[in-house]
Amino acid sequence: MGKREYRQIGKAAEERFCSLVILGSGGRIEIVPPLADDERRDFELHVKHRFGRALSVQVRCHTKLTGSLLHVKLFRGRIQPVDGAYWFFLAYLDLESVDLGEPMFLIPSHALRSAGRLLREIRVSLDPGSHDRWTPYRVSRSELGRRLLAELRKMRRPRPAGRPTAQSSTTEGVAG
C-alpha cells in the first residue's frame, strides 16, 4: 500500500471517528479540526454552545492486527505532549467490513507514561478476555460519544464563589 493510500485510510478513520462522536453524543459535541496539525492533534472537541477548555484528540488507526494485538505508533519526532486535555483514539480499521473494529481505545496522554518515560508506541489487545493495562480505556462505537461527553463535562469546573468575572467598560482595542 502506497503513501497516498495510508493517508486516505487515516482520513477515513478520522471521518468515522467524527461520525461516531457526533451521533453518539446526540449532537452535543462540536468537533473542530485545527488549521495546522503541528501540535500532534487531529481535533478539538467541546460541548456545543459551551466554551472553555476543549479536549484535543489524536486519531490513530491501523489496518493490520498481529493476532488480536493492535500495534500503533503514537509519537513521531521530539514533541510529545502530555496534558489532561490531550487524548488518543486508537482503532483497528477493518478493510473487509469497512468500519472500525471493536473495541476501540480512548486513552488520556498521561496514561502513556511507563517507568517515568513516555511510550512512543503501544500494543493493545482487542481480545474480549484480555485484562491488560489498556482494558479500562476500551470503548465501543456506541459508547464513544457518551464517554467523550462525560470527559468534557469533568473538565468544566464551576468558577469558585467570590471570584469576579473580567469586565471592561471600554471598547478600546476591541476589533469588529
Protein backbone atom coordinates (compact mmCIF):
# COMPACT_ATOMS: atom_id res chain seq x y z
CA MET A 1 0.00 0.00 0.00
CA GLY A 2 1.46 3.36 -1.01
CA LYS A 3 1.75 6.58 0.96
CA ARG A 4 -1.37 8.03 -0.64
CA GLU A 5 -3.48 5.06 0.41
CA TYR A 6 -2.23 5.34 4.00
CA ARG A 7 -3.23 9.00 4.06
CA GLN A 8 -6.64 8.09 2.65
CA ILE A 9 -7.06 5.41 5.30
CA GLY A 10 -6.08 7.88 8.03
CA LYS A 11 -8.58 10.41 6.72
CA ALA A 12 -11.30 7.74 6.54
CA ALA A 13 -10.63 6.79 10.18
CA GLU A 14 -10.81 10.45 11.22
CA GLU A 15 -14.14 10.88 9.41
CA ARG A 16 -15.56 7.74 11.05
CA PHE A 17 -14.36 8.97 14.45
CA CYS A 18 -16.24 12.25 13.86
CA SER A 19 -19.45 10.49 12.86
CA LEU A 20 -19.33 8.25 15.94
CA VAL A 21 -18.71 11.21 18.26
CA ILE A 22 -21.45 13.37 16.77
CA LEU A 23 -24.07 10.62 16.65
CA GLY A 24 -23.03 9.01 19.95
CA SER A 25 -23.23 12.31 21.82
CA GLY A 26 -26.64 13.14 20.37
CA GLY A 27 -25.10 16.10 18.57
CA ARG A 28 -23.90 17.67 21.83
CA ILE A 29 -20.21 17.62 20.89
CA GLU A 30 -18.71 20.04 18.38
CA ILE A 31 -15.61 18.84 16.54
CA VAL A 32 -13.15 21.34 15.12
CA PRO A 33 -10.03 20.40 13.15
CA PRO A 34 -7.03 22.68 13.76
CA LEU A 35 -5.77 24.81 10.89
CA ALA A 36 -2.33 23.22 11.24
CA ASP A 37 -1.50 19.77 12.61
CA ASP A 38 1.73 20.93 14.20
CA GLU A 39 0.66 20.12 17.76
CA ARG A 40 0.00 16.43 17.16
CA ARG A 41 -3.78 16.72 17.36
CA ASP A 42 -6.45 15.99 14.80
CA PHE A 43 -9.47 17.53 16.50
CA GLU A 44 -10.55 19.90 19.26
CA LEU A 45 -13.81 18.85 20.92
CA HIS A 46 -16.12 20.93 23.10
CA VAL A 47 -19.71 20.70 24.31
CA LYS A 48 -21.96 22.57 21.90
CA HIS A 49 -22.65 26.17 22.99
CA ARG A 50 -20.29 25.78 25.96
CA PHE A 51 -16.91 27.36 25.57
CA GLY A 52 -13.99 26.71 27.81
CA ARG A 53 -11.30 24.09 27.86
CA ALA A 54 -11.51 21.76 24.88
CA LEU A 55 -10.33 18.19 24.54
CA SER A 56 -7.61 17.62 21.94
CA VAL A 57 -7.73 14.22 20.25
CA GLN A 58 -5.17 12.46 18.08
CA VAL A 59 -6.73 9.70 15.95
CA ARG A 60 -4.53 6.69 15.27
CA CYS A 61 -5.61 3.59 13.37
CA HIS A 62 -4.07 0.58 11.69
CA THR A 63 -5.41 -1.88 9.14
CA LYS A 64 -3.44 -4.90 10.37
CA LEU A 65 -3.50 -6.94 13.55
CA THR A 66 -0.90 -9.31 14.98
CA GLY A 67 -3.19 -11.98 16.37
CA SER A 68 -5.55 -9.87 18.48
CA LEU A 69 -2.97 -7.11 19.05
CA LEU A 70 -3.20 -3.66 17.51
CA HIS A 71 0.22 -2.02 17.25
CA VAL A 72 0.16 1.77 16.90
CA LYS A 73 2.95 4.36 16.84
CA LEU A 74 1.92 7.31 18.99
CA PHE A 75 4.67 9.90 18.76
CA ARG A 76 6.99 10.89 15.97
CA GLY A 77 9.74 13.41 16.49
CA ARG A 78 10.64 15.19 19.69
CA ILE A 79 7.30 16.78 20.57
CA GLN A 80 5.45 14.52 23.00
CA PRO A 81 2.65 16.47 24.66
CA VAL A 82 1.17 15.22 27.93
CA ASP A 83 -1.86 17.08 29.24
CA GLY A 84 -5.16 16.21 30.88
CA ALA A 85 -6.90 17.59 27.80
CA TYR A 86 -4.83 15.60 25.26
CA TRP A 87 -6.16 12.15 24.37
CA PHE A 88 -5.52 9.39 21.85
CA PHE A 89 -8.20 7.48 19.99
CA LEU A 90 -6.85 4.13 18.78
CA ALA A 91 -8.73 1.80 16.46
CA TYR A 92 -8.39 -1.08 14.06
CA LEU A 93 -9.81 -0.20 10.66
CA ASP A 94 -11.20 -3.42 9.22
CA LEU A 95 -11.00 -3.13 5.43
CA GLU A 96 -13.39 -6.07 4.92
CA SER A 97 -16.25 -4.65 7.00
CA VAL A 98 -15.17 -1.11 6.03
CA ASP A 99 -15.58 0.07 9.62
CA LEU A 100 -13.69 0.48 12.85
CA GLY A 101 -13.37 -2.76 14.77
CA GLU A 102 -14.31 -3.13 18.40
CA PRO A 103 -13.12 -2.49 20.94
CA MET A 104 -11.58 0.89 20.27
CA PHE A 105 -9.48 2.77 22.82
CA LEU A 106 -9.74 6.28 24.24
CA ILE A 107 -6.55 6.90 26.22
CA PRO A 108 -5.50 10.09 28.04
CA SER A 109 -1.92 11.08 27.25
CA HIS A 110 -0.91 10.95 30.93
CA ALA A 111 -1.69 7.19 30.95
CA LEU A 112 1.09 6.65 28.42
CA ARG A 113 3.86 7.07 30.99
CA SER A 114 5.71 3.90 31.88
CA ALA A 115 8.63 3.82 34.32
CA GLY A 116 8.93 7.61 34.08
CA ARG A 117 9.14 7.58 30.28
CA LEU A 118 6.53 8.30 27.65
CA LEU A 119 5.61 5.38 25.40
CA ARG A 120 6.28 6.05 21.70
CA GLU A 121 4.23 3.07 20.57
CA ILE A 122 1.60 0.87 22.08
CA ARG A 123 0.16 -2.62 21.65
CA VAL A 124 -3.44 -3.02 22.76
CA SER A 125 -5.39 -6.26 22.78
CA LEU A 126 -8.75 -6.49 21.06
CA ASP A 127 -9.38 -9.88 22.70
CA PRO A 128 -12.56 -9.60 24.83
CA GLY A 129 -10.93 -11.76 27.54
CA SER A 130 -7.83 -9.60 27.82
CA HIS A 131 -7.18 -7.74 31.07
CA ASP A 132 -4.10 -5.67 30.26
CA ARG A 133 -3.35 -2.12 31.40
CA TRP A 134 -5.35 -0.73 28.45
CA THR A 135 -8.62 -2.54 29.28
CA PRO A 136 -10.06 0.44 31.26
CA TYR A 137 -9.75 2.59 28.14
CA ARG A 138 -11.80 0.33 25.88
CA VAL A 139 -14.83 1.87 24.23
CA SER A 140 -17.40 0.62 21.73
CA ARG A 141 -18.69 2.55 18.74
CA SER A 142 -21.94 3.29 20.56
CA GLU A 143 -20.14 4.41 23.77
CA LEU A 144 -17.54 6.73 22.22
CA GLY A 145 -19.65 9.90 22.05
CA ARG A 146 -21.04 9.45 25.57
CA ARG A 147 -17.58 8.76 27.02
CA LEU A 148 -16.14 11.91 25.43
CA LEU A 149 -19.13 13.94 26.62
CA ALA A 150 -18.52 12.70 30.17
CA GLU A 151 -14.82 13.66 29.95
CA LEU A 152 -15.70 17.12 28.62
CA ARG A 153 -18.15 17.66 31.47
CA LYS A 154 -15.50 16.63 34.02
CA MET A 155 -13.24 19.33 32.60
CA ARG A 156 -15.87 22.04 33.12
CA ARG A 157 -15.41 23.23 36.64
CA PRO A 158 -17.60 25.93 38.15
CA ARG A 159 -15.81 29.19 38.93
CA PRO A 160 -15.07 29.49 42.67
CA ALA A 161 -17.56 31.68 44.54
CA GLY A 162 -16.49 35.24 45.12
CA ARG A 163 -14.25 35.50 42.07
CA PRO A 164 -15.49 38.26 39.81
CA THR A 165 -15.60 37.80 36.08
CA ALA A 166 -13.46 40.08 33.95
CA GLN A 167 -15.42 43.07 32.70
CA SER A 168 -14.44 46.07 30.66
CA SER A 169 -16.24 49.39 30.43
CA THR A 170 -14.39 50.46 27.30
CA THR A 171 -14.22 49.22 23.76
CA GLU A 172 -10.67 50.47 23.20
CA GLY A 173 -8.61 47.81 21.46
CA VAL A 174 -11.64 45.70 20.56
CA ALA A 175 -11.83 44.55 16.95
CA GLY A 176 -15.07 44.40 14.99
